[in-house]
Amino acid sequence: MFPTRDQMVAYIEHCATMTGLDLRLGTEVHSLARDGAGWVLATSSGEIRAPQVIVATGHENEPFITDWPGRESFEGRLLHSSDYRNAEGFGDSRVLVVGPGSSGMEIAYDLVEGGADTVWLSARTPPNIVLREGRGGLPGDFIAVTLLHTPTRFGDAMARFGRRMDVGDLSEFGLPVPEDGIFSRLHRHEVAPAIVDQDVIEAIRTRRIEIVRGVEALDSTGATLADGMRVEPDAVICATGYREGLERLVGDLDVLDADGRPRERGERPAAPGLRFVGYTARPGALSYTGKEARRAARAIARELRA
């Protein structure tokens, strides 16, 4: 259910060495264009032509940091969560983590465990929260995948019940239950819940992690929050998400929606011979992407035979 880093590395190395793939490592694709019945890719290593193309850079492709007023003037450390490795170097520091998703919460907890002096977690929009392992040891993602196939209102109600039983009321600590349920938010905005361990919740309850409002602006020494409060961190870690970043690659092909996401995904071609795999935010996304890839491969095989 939750592969470790080493398991993921081993899987990728197996694919690279055992499946006969023609890997073009260190090759950046600059653009993609129609070429008769197929496609031509302009890359850093020259042109590549192919009758079929799958774009699989993922929906967490380009790190995104909010362009707050005064961001460039901040004199402390400012980094995206993708650049965070561990709490080393943050000992005795005051750190503002922006974004209450899975990454933000886990980084905040890692910092308090690693010796940071003060850790603030900025939450503009309260997250839906799912424990990675709920009561009885059942993985939260397993339950969420099951509820994904039920009516949205039922799924939301069951998830709220689970949160009440497993997490409890965090309103007094700054994290009330959001109006949008897990599945309403997932279907409407493709925003996944924060999946965390019980230790993170306890750190919030004991105020080792202090929940504060959203960041409105930065200046040379600190941040102004939405409620007027001011904090002066030594470092700001932005767990502010990612963008697909597909515009430069396929922005002129009329295959993206208004939010820059592929209109068609998986086995359904967005254009003849062009598919997108791995762009669906949902519980159990790793497993789902594997199924999506197999369906796309079978569809391509049928087209090539025809």
C-alpha atoms as a PDB file:
ATOM      1  CA  MET A   1       0.000   0.000   0.000  1.00  0.00           C
ATOM      2  CA  PHE A   2       2.846   2.426   0.826  1.00  0.00           C
ATOM      3  CA  PRO A   3       6.076   1.435  -0.980  1.00  0.00           C
ATOM      4  CA  THR A   4       9.302   2.642   0.560  1.00  0.00           C
ATOM      5  CA  ARG A   5      11.821   4.752  -1.326  1.00  0.00           C
ATOM      6  CA  ASP A   6      14.110   1.728  -1.755  1.00  0.00           C
ATOM      7  CA  GLN A   7      11.264  -0.366  -3.162  1.00  0.00           C
ATOM      8  CA  MET A   8      10.480   2.351  -5.710  1.00  0.00           C
ATOM      9  CA  VAL A   9      14.137   2.620  -6.727  1.00  0.00           C
ATOM     10  CA  ALA A  10      14.369  -1.164  -7.101  1.00  0.00           C
ATOM     11  CA  TYR A  11      11.256  -1.204  -9.284  1.00  0.00           C
ATOM     12  CA  ILE A  12      12.567   1.534 -11.576  1.00  0.00           C
ATOM     13  CA  GLU A  13      15.946  -0.184 -11.882  1.00  0.00           C
ATOM     14  CA  HIS A  14      14.181  -3.442 -12.758  1.00  0.00           C
ATOM     15  CA  CYS A  15      12.193  -1.694 -15.499  1.00  0.00           C
ATOM     16  CA  ALA A  16      15.374  -0.126 -16.842  1.00  0.00           C
ATOM     17  CA  THR A  17      17.346  -3.365 -17.056  1.00  0.00           C
ATOM     18  CA  MET A  18      14.846  -6.188 -17.563  1.00  0.00           C
ATOM     19  CA  THR A  19      12.173  -4.969 -19.965  1.00  0.00           C
ATOM     20  CA  GLY A  20      14.219  -4.065 -23.043  1.00  0.00           C
ATOM     21  CA  LEU A  21      13.344  -0.373 -22.909  1.00  0.00           C
ATOM     22  CA  ASP A  22      15.408   1.930 -25.136  1.00  0.00           C
ATOM     23  CA  LEU A  23      16.187   4.552 -22.508  1.00  0.00           C
ATOM     24  CA  ARG A  24      17.281   8.054 -23.519  1.00  0.00           C
ATOM     25  CA  LEU A  25      18.586   9.262 -20.171  1.00  0.00           C
ATOM     26  CA  GLY A  26      19.539  12.900 -19.779  1.00  0.00           C
ATOM     27  CA  THR A  27      17.274  13.848 -22.678  1.00  0.00           C
ATOM     28  CA  GLU A  28      14.868  16.757 -22.251  1.00  0.00           C
ATOM     29  CA  VAL A  29      11.823  17.006 -24.506  1.00  0.00           C
ATOM     30  CA  HIS A  30      11.286  20.603 -25.616  1.00  0.00           C
ATOM     31  CA  SER A  31       8.191  20.289 -27.802  1.00  0.00           C
ATOM     32  CA  LEU A  32       5.813  17.824 -29.400  1.00  0.00           C
ATOM     33  CA  ALA A  33       4.214  18.290 -32.833  1.00  0.00           C
ATOM     34  CA  ARG A  34       2.211  16.360 -35.413  1.00  0.00           C
ATOM     35  CA  ASP A  35       4.233  14.753 -38.188  1.00  0.00           C
ATOM     36  CA  GLY A  36       1.864  13.262 -40.738  1.00  0.00           C
ATOM     37  CA  ALA A  37       0.302  10.223 -39.097  1.00  0.00           C
ATOM     38  CA  GLY A  38       2.726  10.331 -36.164  1.00  0.00           C
ATOM     39  CA  TRP A  39       4.642  12.689 -33.910  1.00  0.00           C
ATOM     40  CA  VAL A  40       7.998  14.439 -33.848  1.00  0.00           C
ATOM     41  CA  LEU A  41       9.656  15.391 -30.561  1.00  0.00           C
ATOM     42  CA  ALA A  42      12.265  18.120 -30.419  1.00  0.00           C
ATOM     43  CA  THR A  43      14.698  17.053 -27.692  1.00  0.00           C
ATOM     44  CA  SER A  44      18.058  18.065 -26.286  1.00  0.00           C
ATOM     45  CA  SER A  45      19.518  15.052 -28.129  1.00  0.00           C
ATOM     46  CA  GLY A  46      17.868  15.706 -31.495  1.00  0.00           C
ATOM     47  CA  GLU A  47      14.563  14.750 -33.070  1.00  0.00           C
ATOM     48  CA  ILE A  48      12.646  11.614 -32.108  1.00  0.00           C
ATOM     49  CA  ARG A  49       9.829  10.398 -34.336  1.00  0.00           C
ATOM     50  CA  ALA A  50       7.135   7.992 -33.176  1.00  0.00           C
ATOM     51  CA  PRO A  51       3.665   6.883 -34.293  1.00  0.00           C
ATOM     52  CA  GLN A  52       2.468   6.879 -30.663  1.00  0.00           C
ATOM     53  CA  VAL A  53       3.402   9.069 -27.687  1.00  0.00           C
ATOM     54  CA  ILE A  54       2.559   8.777 -23.990  1.00  0.00           C
ATOM     55  CA  VAL A  55       3.193  11.840 -21.841  1.00  0.00           C
ATOM     56  CA  ALA A  56       3.759  10.726 -18.244  1.00  0.00           C
ATOM     57  CA  THR A  57       5.507  13.584 -16.456  1.00  0.00           C
ATOM     58  CA  GLY A  58       2.795  13.465 -13.783  1.00  0.00           C
ATOM     59  CA  HIS A  59       0.568  15.992 -12.084  1.00  0.00           C
ATOM     60  CA  GLU A  60       3.349  16.808  -9.592  1.00  0.00           C
ATOM     61  CA  ASN A  61       5.875  17.853 -12.221  1.00  0.00           C
ATOM     62  CA  GLU A  62       6.866  21.453 -11.541  1.00  0.00           C
ATOM     63  CA  PRO A  63       7.233  22.695  -7.936  1.00  0.00           C
ATOM     64  CA  PHE A  64       5.054  25.730  -7.288  1.00  0.00           C
ATOM     65  CA  ILE A  65       5.753  28.519  -4.798  1.00  0.00           C
ATOM     66  CA  THR A  66       3.167  31.237  -4.276  1.00  0.00           C
ATOM     67  CA  ASP A  67       4.318  34.655  -5.474  1.00  0.00           C
ATOM     68  CA  TRP A  68       3.620  36.461  -2.206  1.00  0.00           C
ATOM     69  CA  PRO A  69       4.213  40.211  -2.068  1.00  0.00           C
ATOM     70  CA  GLY A  70       7.717  40.771  -0.718  1.00  0.00           C
ATOM     71  CA  ARG A  71       8.885  37.207  -1.382  1.00  0.00           C
ATOM     72  CA  GLU A  72      12.142  38.324  -2.978  1.00  0.00           C
ATOM     73  CA  SER A  73      13.003  40.473   0.029  1.00  0.00           C
ATOM     74  CA  PHE A  74      12.914  37.640   2.583  1.00  0.00           C
ATOM     75  CA  GLU A  75      16.436  37.242   3.969  1.00  0.00           C
ATOM     76  CA  GLY A  76      16.002  33.786   5.529  1.00  0.00           C
ATOM     77  CA  ARG A  77      16.000  30.413   3.807  1.00  0.00           C
ATOM     78  CA  LEU A  78      13.084  29.869   1.419  1.00  0.00           C
ATOM     79  CA  LEU A  79      12.680  26.506  -0.274  1.00  0.00           C
ATOM     80  CA  HIS A  80      10.037  24.238  -1.786  1.00  0.00           C
ATOM     81  CA  SER A  81       9.133  21.019   0.001  1.00  0.00           C
ATOM     82  CA  SER A  82      10.637  19.062  -2.901  1.00  0.00           C
ATOM     83  CA  ASP A  83      14.054  20.391  -1.836  1.00  0.00           C
ATOM     84  CA  TYR A  84      13.618  19.379   1.810  1.00  0.00           C
ATOM     85  CA  ARG A  85      15.576  16.264   2.816  1.00  0.00           C
ATOM     86  CA  ASN A  86      15.669  16.134   6.625  1.00  0.00           C
ATOM     87  CA  ALA A  87      15.803  18.312   9.728  1.00  0.00           C
ATOM     88  CA  GLU A  88      19.587  18.608   9.662  1.00  0.00           C
ATOM     89  CA  GLY A  89      20.502  22.267   9.496  1.00  0.00           C
ATOM     90  CA  PHE A  90      17.227  23.411  11.087  1.00  0.00           C
ATOM     91  CA  GLY A  91      18.189  22.692  14.711  1.00  0.00           C
ATOM     92  CA  ASP A  92      17.154  25.498  17.093  1.00  0.00           C
ATOM     93  CA  SER A  93      15.589  27.337  14.125  1.00  0.00           C
ATOM     94  CA  ARG A  94      12.150  28.893  13.798  1.00  0.00           C
ATOM     95  CA  VAL A  95      10.517  27.408  10.707  1.00  0.00           C
ATOM     96  CA  LEU A  96       7.307  28.322   8.917  1.00  0.00           C
ATOM     97  CA  VAL A  97       5.907  25.441   6.837  1.00  0.00           C
ATOM     98  CA  VAL A  98       3.304  26.674   4.367  1.00  0.00           C
ATOM     99  CA  GLY A  99       0.639  24.181   3.297  1.00  0.00           C
ATOM    100  CA  PRO A 100      -1.235  21.633   5.459  1.00  0.00           C
ATOM    101  CA  GLY A 101      -1.178  18.716   3.016  1.00  0.00           C
ATOM    102  CA  SER A 102       0.641  15.422   3.491  1.00  0.00           C
ATOM    103  CA  SER A 103       4.070  16.907   2.733  1.00  0.00           C
ATOM    104  CA  GLY A 104       3.601  19.984   4.895  1.00  0.00           C
ATOM    105  CA  MET A 105       2.388  18.047   7.913  1.00  0.00           C
ATOM    106  CA  GLU A 106       5.084  15.385   7.649  1.00  0.00           C
ATOM    107  CA  ILE A 107       7.834  17.987   7.224  1.00  0.00           C
ATOM    108  CA  ALA A 108       6.528  19.968  10.206  1.00  0.00           C
ATOM    109  CA  TYR A 109       6.614  16.820  12.333  1.00  0.00           C
ATOM    110  CA  ASP A 110      10.092  15.892  11.098  1.00  0.00           C
ATOM    111  CA  LEU A 111      11.306  19.354  12.091  1.00  0.00           C
ATOM    112  CA  VAL A 112       9.941  19.231  15.645  1.00  0.00           C
ATOM    113  CA  GLU A 113      11.417  15.747  16.072  1.00  0.00           C
ATOM    114  CA  GLY A 114      14.695  16.958  14.590  1.00  0.00           C
ATOM    115  CA  GLY A 115      15.198  19.767  17.075  1.00  0.00           C
ATOM    116  CA  ALA A 116      13.701  22.880  15.482  1.00  0.00           C
ATOM    117  CA  ASP A 117      12.962  25.536  18.093  1.00  0.00           C
ATOM    118  CA  THR A 118       9.546  26.599  16.769  1.00  0.00           C
ATOM    119  CA  VAL A 119       7.472  25.146  13.944  1.00  0.00           C
ATOM    120  CA  TRP A 120       4.479  26.985  12.511  1.00  0.00           C
ATOM    121  CA  LEU A 121       2.238  25.246   9.961  1.00  0.00           C
ATOM    122  CA  SER A 122       0.329  27.723   7.804  1.00  0.00           C
ATOM    123  CA  ALA A 123      -3.137  26.567   6.689  1.00  0.00           C
ATOM    124  CA  ARG A 124      -5.163  28.846   4.437  1.00  0.00           C
ATOM    125  CA  THR A 125      -7.743  26.137   3.683  1.00  0.00           C
ATOM    126  CA  PRO A 126      -8.329  23.464   6.351  1.00  0.00           C
ATOM    127  CA  PRO A 127      -7.462  20.052   4.903  1.00  0.00           C
ATOM    128  CA  ASN A 128      -9.408  16.832   4.960  1.00  0.00           C
ATOM    129  CA  ILE A 129      -7.315  14.451   7.061  1.00  0.00           C
ATOM    130  CA  VAL A 130      -6.965  10.679   6.777  1.00  0.00           C
ATOM    131  CA  LEU A 131      -4.754   8.594   9.015  1.00  0.00           C
ATOM    132  CA  ARG A 132      -2.299   6.497   7.054  1.00  0.00           C
ATOM    133  CA  GLU A 133      -3.319   3.585   9.269  1.00  0.00           C
ATOM    134  CA  GLY A 134      -6.735   3.720  10.867  1.00  0.00           C
ATOM    135  CA  ARG A 135      -8.353   1.672  13.597  1.00  0.00           C
ATOM    136  CA  GLY A 136      -7.616  -2.019  13.300  1.00  0.00           C
ATOM    137  CA  GLY A 137      -4.491  -1.346  11.233  1.00  0.00           C
ATOM    138  CA  LEU A 138      -6.430  -0.879   7.987  1.00  0.00           C
ATOM    139  CA  PRO A 139      -4.632   1.543   5.630  1.00  0.00           C
ATOM    140  CA  GLY A 140      -6.550   4.783   5.070  1.00  0.00           C
ATOM    141  CA  ASP A 141      -5.952   4.636   1.317  1.00  0.00           C
ATOM    142  CA  PHE A 142      -7.573   1.193   1.151  1.00  0.00           C
ATOM    143  CA  ILE A 143     -10.760   2.538   2.723  1.00  0.00           C
ATOM    144  CA  ALA A 144     -10.691   5.657   0.526  1.00  0.00           C
ATOM    145  CA  VAL A 145     -10.320   3.615  -2.677  1.00  0.00           C
ATOM    146  CA  THR A 146     -13.370   1.570  -1.668  1.00  0.00           C
ATOM    147  CA  LEU A 147     -15.446   4.676  -0.878  1.00  0.00           C
ATOM    148  CA  LEU A 148     -14.402   6.264  -4.178  1.00  0.00           C
ATOM    149  CA  HIS A 149     -16.834   3.898  -5.907  1.00  0.00           C
ATOM    150  CA  THR A 150     -19.792   4.962  -3.756  1.00  0.00           C
ATOM    151  CA  PRO A 151     -22.020   8.071  -4.172  1.00  0.00           C
ATOM    152  CA  THR A 152     -20.116  11.237  -3.238  1.00  0.00           C
ATOM    153  CA  ARG A 153     -22.399  12.197  -0.343  1.00  0.00           C
ATOM    154  CA  PHE A 154     -22.091   8.723   1.173  1.00  0.00           C
ATOM    155  CA  GLY A 155     -18.304   8.743   0.801  1.00  0.00           C
ATOM    156  CA  ASP A 156     -18.064  12.188   2.408  1.00  0.00           C
ATOM    157  CA  ALA A 157     -20.255  11.097   5.323  1.00  0.00           C
ATOM    158  CA  MET A 158     -18.262   7.927   5.949  1.00  0.00           C
ATOM    159  CA  ALA A 159     -14.961   9.832   5.743  1.00  0.00           C
ATOM    160  CA  ARG A 160     -16.221  12.423   8.237  1.00  0.00           C
ATOM    161  CA  PHE A 161     -17.244   9.616  10.601  1.00  0.00           C
ATOM    162  CA  GLY A 162     -13.796   8.056  10.227  1.00  0.00           C
ATOM    163  CA  ARG A 163     -12.100  11.374  10.940  1.00  0.00           C
ATOM    164  CA  ARG A 164     -14.251  11.911  14.039  1.00  0.00           C
ATOM    165  CA  MET A 165     -13.300   8.474  15.345  1.00  0.00           C
ATOM    166  CA  ASP A 166      -9.603   8.438  14.372  1.00  0.00           C
ATOM    167  CA  VAL A 167      -8.562  12.098  14.492  1.00  0.00           C
ATOM    168  CA  GLY A 168     -11.157  13.907  16.578  1.00  0.00           C
ATOM    169  CA  ASP A 169     -11.975  17.608  16.612  1.00  0.00           C
ATOM    170  CA  LEU A 170      -8.959  19.812  15.881  1.00  0.00           C
ATOM    171  CA  SER A 171     -10.905  23.080  15.650  1.00  0.00           C
ATOM    172  CA  GLU A 172      -9.330  24.583  18.781  1.00  0.00           C
ATOM    173  CA  PHE A 173      -5.906  23.904  17.275  1.00  0.00           C
ATOM    174  CA  GLY A 174      -6.728  25.688  14.010  1.00  0.00           C
ATOM    175  CA  LEU A 175      -7.842  22.775  11.820  1.00  0.00           C
ATOM    176  CA  PRO A 176     -11.653  22.559  11.718  1.00  0.00           C
ATOM    177  CA  VAL A 177     -13.360  20.014   9.489  1.00  0.00           C
ATOM    178  CA  PRO A 178     -13.718  21.657   6.041  1.00  0.00           C
ATOM    179  CA  GLU A 179     -17.150  22.151   4.492  1.00  0.00           C
ATOM    180  CA  ASP A 180     -16.172  20.160   1.403  1.00  0.00           C
ATOM    181  CA  GLY A 181     -15.846  16.470   2.156  1.00  0.00           C
ATOM    182  CA  ILE A 182     -12.948  14.356   0.912  1.00  0.00           C
ATOM    183  CA  PHE A 183     -14.716  13.100  -2.190  1.00  0.00           C
ATOM    184  CA  SER A 184     -16.495  16.365  -3.005  1.00  0.00           C
ATOM    185  CA  ARG A 185     -13.145  18.164  -2.988  1.00  0.00           C
ATOM    186  CA  LEU A 186     -11.500  15.350  -4.932  1.00  0.00           C
ATOM    187  CA  HIS A 187     -14.130  15.348  -7.690  1.00  0.00           C
ATOM    188  CA  ARG A 188     -14.505  19.133  -7.834  1.00  0.00           C
ATOM    189  CA  HIS A 189     -10.888  20.284  -7.524  1.00  0.00           C
ATOM    190  CA  GLU A 190      -8.791  17.091  -7.776  1.00  0.00           C
ATOM    191  CA  VAL A 191      -7.369  17.832  -4.332  1.00  0.00           C
ATOM    192  CA  ALA A 192      -6.412  14.771  -2.283  1.00  0.00           C
ATOM    193  CA  PRO A 193      -6.688  14.659   1.533  1.00  0.00           C
ATOM    194  CA  ALA A 194      -3.715  14.929   3.862  1.00  0.00           C
ATOM    195  CA  ILE A 195      -2.644  11.377   4.738  1.00  0.00           C
ATOM    196  CA  VAL A 196      -0.600  11.408   7.947  1.00  0.00           C
ATOM    197  CA  ASP A 197       0.391   9.308  10.949  1.00  0.00           C
ATOM    198  CA  GLN A 198      -1.157   9.598  14.400  1.00  0.00           C
ATOM    199  CA  ASP A 199       2.124  11.065  15.691  1.00  0.00           C
ATOM    200  CA  VAL A 200       1.531  14.161  13.549  1.00  0.00           C
ATOM    201  CA  ILE A 201      -1.936  14.658  15.049  1.00  0.00           C
ATOM    202  CA  GLU A 202      -0.520  14.347  18.567  1.00  0.00           C
ATOM    203  CA  ALA A 203       2.149  16.954  17.782  1.00  0.00           C
ATOM    204  CA  ILE A 204      -0.633  19.339  16.713  1.00  0.00           C
ATOM    205  CA  ARG A 205      -2.677  18.599  19.845  1.00  0.00           C
ATOM    206  CA  THR A 206       0.308  19.258  22.104  1.00  0.00           C
ATOM    207  CA  ARG A 207       1.065  22.419  20.065  1.00  0.00           C
ATOM    208  CA  ARG A 208       4.558  21.277  19.198  1.00  0.00           C
ATOM    209  CA  ILE A 209       3.295  22.133  15.717  1.00  0.00           C
ATOM    210  CA  GLU A 210       1.466  25.459  15.908  1.00  0.00           C
ATOM    211  CA  ILE A 211      -1.235  25.956  13.280  1.00  0.00           C
ATOM    212  CA  VAL A 212      -1.419  29.525  11.924  1.00  0.00           C
ATOM    213  CA  ARG A 213      -3.406  31.226   9.161  1.00  0.00           C
ATOM    214  CA  GLY A 214      -2.432  31.600   5.519  1.00  0.00           C
ATOM    215  CA  VAL A 215       0.502  33.787   4.463  1.00  0.00           C
ATOM    216  CA  GLU A 216      -0.474  37.164   3.011  1.00  0.00           C
ATOM    217  CA  ALA A 217       2.975  38.683   2.470  1.00  0.00           C
ATOM    218  CA  LEU A 218       6.651  38.315   3.237  1.00  0.00           C
ATOM    219  CA  ASP A 219       9.231  40.930   4.073  1.00  0.00           C
ATOM    220  CA  SER A 220      12.910  40.862   4.935  1.00  0.00           C
ATOM    221  CA  THR A 221      12.445  39.307   8.375  1.00  0.00           C
ATOM    222  CA  GLY A 222       9.119  37.539   8.434  1.00  0.00           C
ATOM    223  CA  ALA A 223       5.570  36.901   7.249  1.00  0.00           C
ATOM    224  CA  THR A 224       2.218  38.614   7.729  1.00  0.00           C
ATOM    225  CA  LEU A 225      -0.679  36.168   8.064  1.00  0.00           C
ATOM    226  CA  ALA A 226      -4.329  36.434   7.025  1.00  0.00           C
ATOM    227  CA  ASP A 227      -5.484  37.290  10.559  1.00  0.00           C
ATOM    228  CA  GLY A 228      -2.883  40.060  10.920  1.00  0.00           C
ATOM    229  CA  MET A 229      -0.544  37.947  13.035  1.00  0.00           C
ATOM    230  CA  ARG A 230       3.154  38.251  12.274  1.00  0.00           C
ATOM    231  CA  VAL A 231       5.789  35.517  12.560  1.00  0.00           C
ATOM    232  CA  GLU A 232       9.519  35.832  12.061  1.00  0.00           C
ATOM    233  CA  PRO A 233      10.935  32.485  10.929  1.00  0.00           C
ATOM    234  CA  ASP A 234      14.529  31.717  10.070  1.00  0.00           C
ATOM    235  CA  ALA A 235      13.275  29.550   7.208  1.00  0.00           C
ATOM    236  CA  VAL A 236      10.114  29.163   5.124  1.00  0.00           C
ATOM    237  CA  ILE A 237       9.393  25.752   3.607  1.00  0.00           C
ATOM    238  CA  CYS A 238       6.735  25.921   0.925  1.00  0.00           C
ATOM    239  CA  ALA A 239       4.616  22.766   0.734  1.00  0.00           C
ATOM    240  CA  THR A 240       2.516  24.649  -1.792  1.00  0.00           C
ATOM    241  CA  GLY A 241       2.114  21.904  -4.354  1.00  0.00           C
ATOM    242  CA  TYR A 242       3.000  21.391  -7.970  1.00  0.00           C
ATOM    243  CA  ARG A 243       1.771  22.184 -11.452  1.00  0.00           C
ATOM    244  CA  GLU A 244       1.569  19.829 -14.420  1.00  0.00           C
ATOM    245  CA  GLY A 245       3.650  22.232 -16.529  1.00  0.00           C
ATOM    246  CA  LEU A 246       2.329  20.839 -19.820  1.00  0.00           C
ATOM    247  CA  GLU A 247       1.727  24.128 -21.597  1.00  0.00           C
ATOM    248  CA  ARG A 248       5.190  24.452 -23.124  1.00  0.00           C
ATOM    249  CA  LEU A 249       5.075  20.863 -24.340  1.00  0.00           C
ATOM    250  CA  VAL A 250       1.552  20.503 -25.748  1.00  0.00           C
ATOM    251  CA  GLY A 251      -0.082  23.877 -25.100  1.00  0.00           C
ATOM    252  CA  ASP A 252      -0.746  24.487 -28.797  1.00  0.00           C
ATOM    253  CA  LEU A 253      -2.400  21.102 -29.449  1.00  0.00           C
ATOM    254  CA  ASP A 254      -5.794  21.862 -27.839  1.00  0.00           C
ATOM    255  CA  VAL A 255      -5.541  18.855 -25.513  1.00  0.00           C
ATOM    256  CA  LEU A 256      -5.514  20.698 -22.152  1.00  0.00           C
ATOM    257  CA  ASP A 257      -8.395  22.118 -20.147  1.00  0.00           C
ATOM    258  CA  ALA A 258      -8.540  25.614 -18.632  1.00  0.00           C
ATOM    259  CA  ASP A 259      -6.473  24.447 -15.627  1.00  0.00           C
ATOM    260  CA  GLY A 260      -3.703  23.024 -17.812  1.00  0.00           C
ATOM    261  CA  ARG A 261      -4.688  19.394 -17.226  1.00  0.00           C
ATOM    262  CA  PRO A 262      -5.178  16.808 -19.993  1.00  0.00           C
ATOM    263  CA  ARG A 263      -8.769  16.593 -21.195  1.00  0.00           C
ATOM    264  CA  GLU A 264      -8.386  12.874 -21.862  1.00  0.00           C
ATOM    265  CA  ARG A 265      -6.305  10.462 -19.808  1.00  0.00           C
ATOM    266  CA  GLY A 266      -5.271   6.832 -19.823  1.00  0.00           C
ATOM    267  CA  GLU A 267      -6.431   4.690 -22.725  1.00  0.00           C
ATOM    268  CA  ARG A 268      -8.487   7.470 -24.331  1.00  0.00           C
ATOM    269  CA  PRO A 269      -6.302   9.426 -26.799  1.00  0.00           C
ATOM    270  CA  ALA A 270      -6.246  13.193 -26.357  1.00  0.00           C
ATOM    271  CA  ALA A 271      -5.287  13.384 -30.060  1.00  0.00           C
ATOM    272  CA  PRO A 272      -4.596  10.561 -32.535  1.00  0.00           C
ATOM    273  CA  GLY A 273      -1.640   8.639 -31.119  1.00  0.00           C
ATOM    274  CA  LEU A 274      -1.246  10.876 -28.045  1.00  0.00           C
ATOM    275  CA  ARG A 275      -2.111   9.797 -24.498  1.00  0.00           C
ATOM    276  CA  PHE A 276      -1.548  11.079 -20.963  1.00  0.00           C
ATOM    277  CA  VAL A 277      -0.914   8.681 -18.066  1.00  0.00           C
ATOM    278  CA  GLY A 278      -0.542   9.580 -14.383  1.00  0.00           C
ATOM    279  CA  TYR A 279      -2.550  12.806 -14.189  1.00  0.00           C
ATOM    280  CA  THR A 280      -5.409  11.678 -11.953  1.00  0.00           C
ATOM    281  CA  ALA A 281      -5.290  12.752  -8.293  1.00  0.00           C
ATOM    282  CA  ARG A 282      -7.057  10.092  -6.248  1.00  0.00           C
ATOM    283  CA  PRO A 283      -6.498   7.635  -3.386  1.00  0.00           C
ATOM    284  CA  GLY A 284      -4.265   4.747  -4.329  1.00  0.00           C
ATOM    285  CA  ALA A 285      -2.854   6.798  -7.204  1.00  0.00           C
ATOM    286  CA  LEU A 286       0.247   4.632  -7.673  1.00  0.00           C
ATOM    287  CA  SER A 287      -1.801   1.487  -8.227  1.00  0.00           C
ATOM    288  CA  TYR A 288      -4.325   3.329 -10.379  1.00  0.00           C
ATOM    289  CA  THR A 289      -1.583   4.739 -12.610  1.00  0.00           C
ATOM    290  CA  GLY A 290      -0.287   1.214 -13.197  1.00  0.00           C
ATOM    291  CA  LYS A 291      -3.741   0.066 -14.313  1.00  0.00           C
ATOM    292  CA  GLU A 292      -4.121   3.169 -16.457  1.00  0.00           C
ATOM    293  CA  ALA A 293      -0.763   2.457 -18.123  1.00  0.00           C
ATOM    294  CA  ARG A 294      -1.695  -1.153 -18.920  1.00  0.00           C
ATOM    295  CA  ARG A 295      -4.984  -0.061 -20.469  1.00  0.00           C
ATOM    296  CA  ALA A 296      -3.187   2.558 -22.561  1.00  0.00           C
ATOM    297  CA  ALA A 297      -0.608  -0.013 -23.711  1.00  0.00           C
ATOM    298  CA  ARG A 298      -3.319  -2.433 -24.825  1.00  0.00           C
ATOM    299  CA  ALA A 299      -5.119   0.343 -26.703  1.00  0.00           C
ATOM    300  CA  ILE A 300      -1.897   1.311 -28.483  1.00  0.00           C
ATOM    301  CA  ALA A 301      -1.233  -2.337 -29.401  1.00  0.00           C
ATOM    302  CA  ARG A 302      -4.690  -2.559 -30.970  1.00  0.00           C
ATOM    303  CA  GLU A 303      -4.132   0.630 -32.967  1.00  0.00           C
ATOM    304  CA  LEU A 304      -0.725  -0.485 -34.213  1.00  0.00           C
ATOM    305  CA  ARG A 305      -2.111  -3.872 -35.313  1.00  0.00           C
ATOM    306  CA  ALA A 306      -4.911  -2.111 -37.164  1.00  0.00           C
END
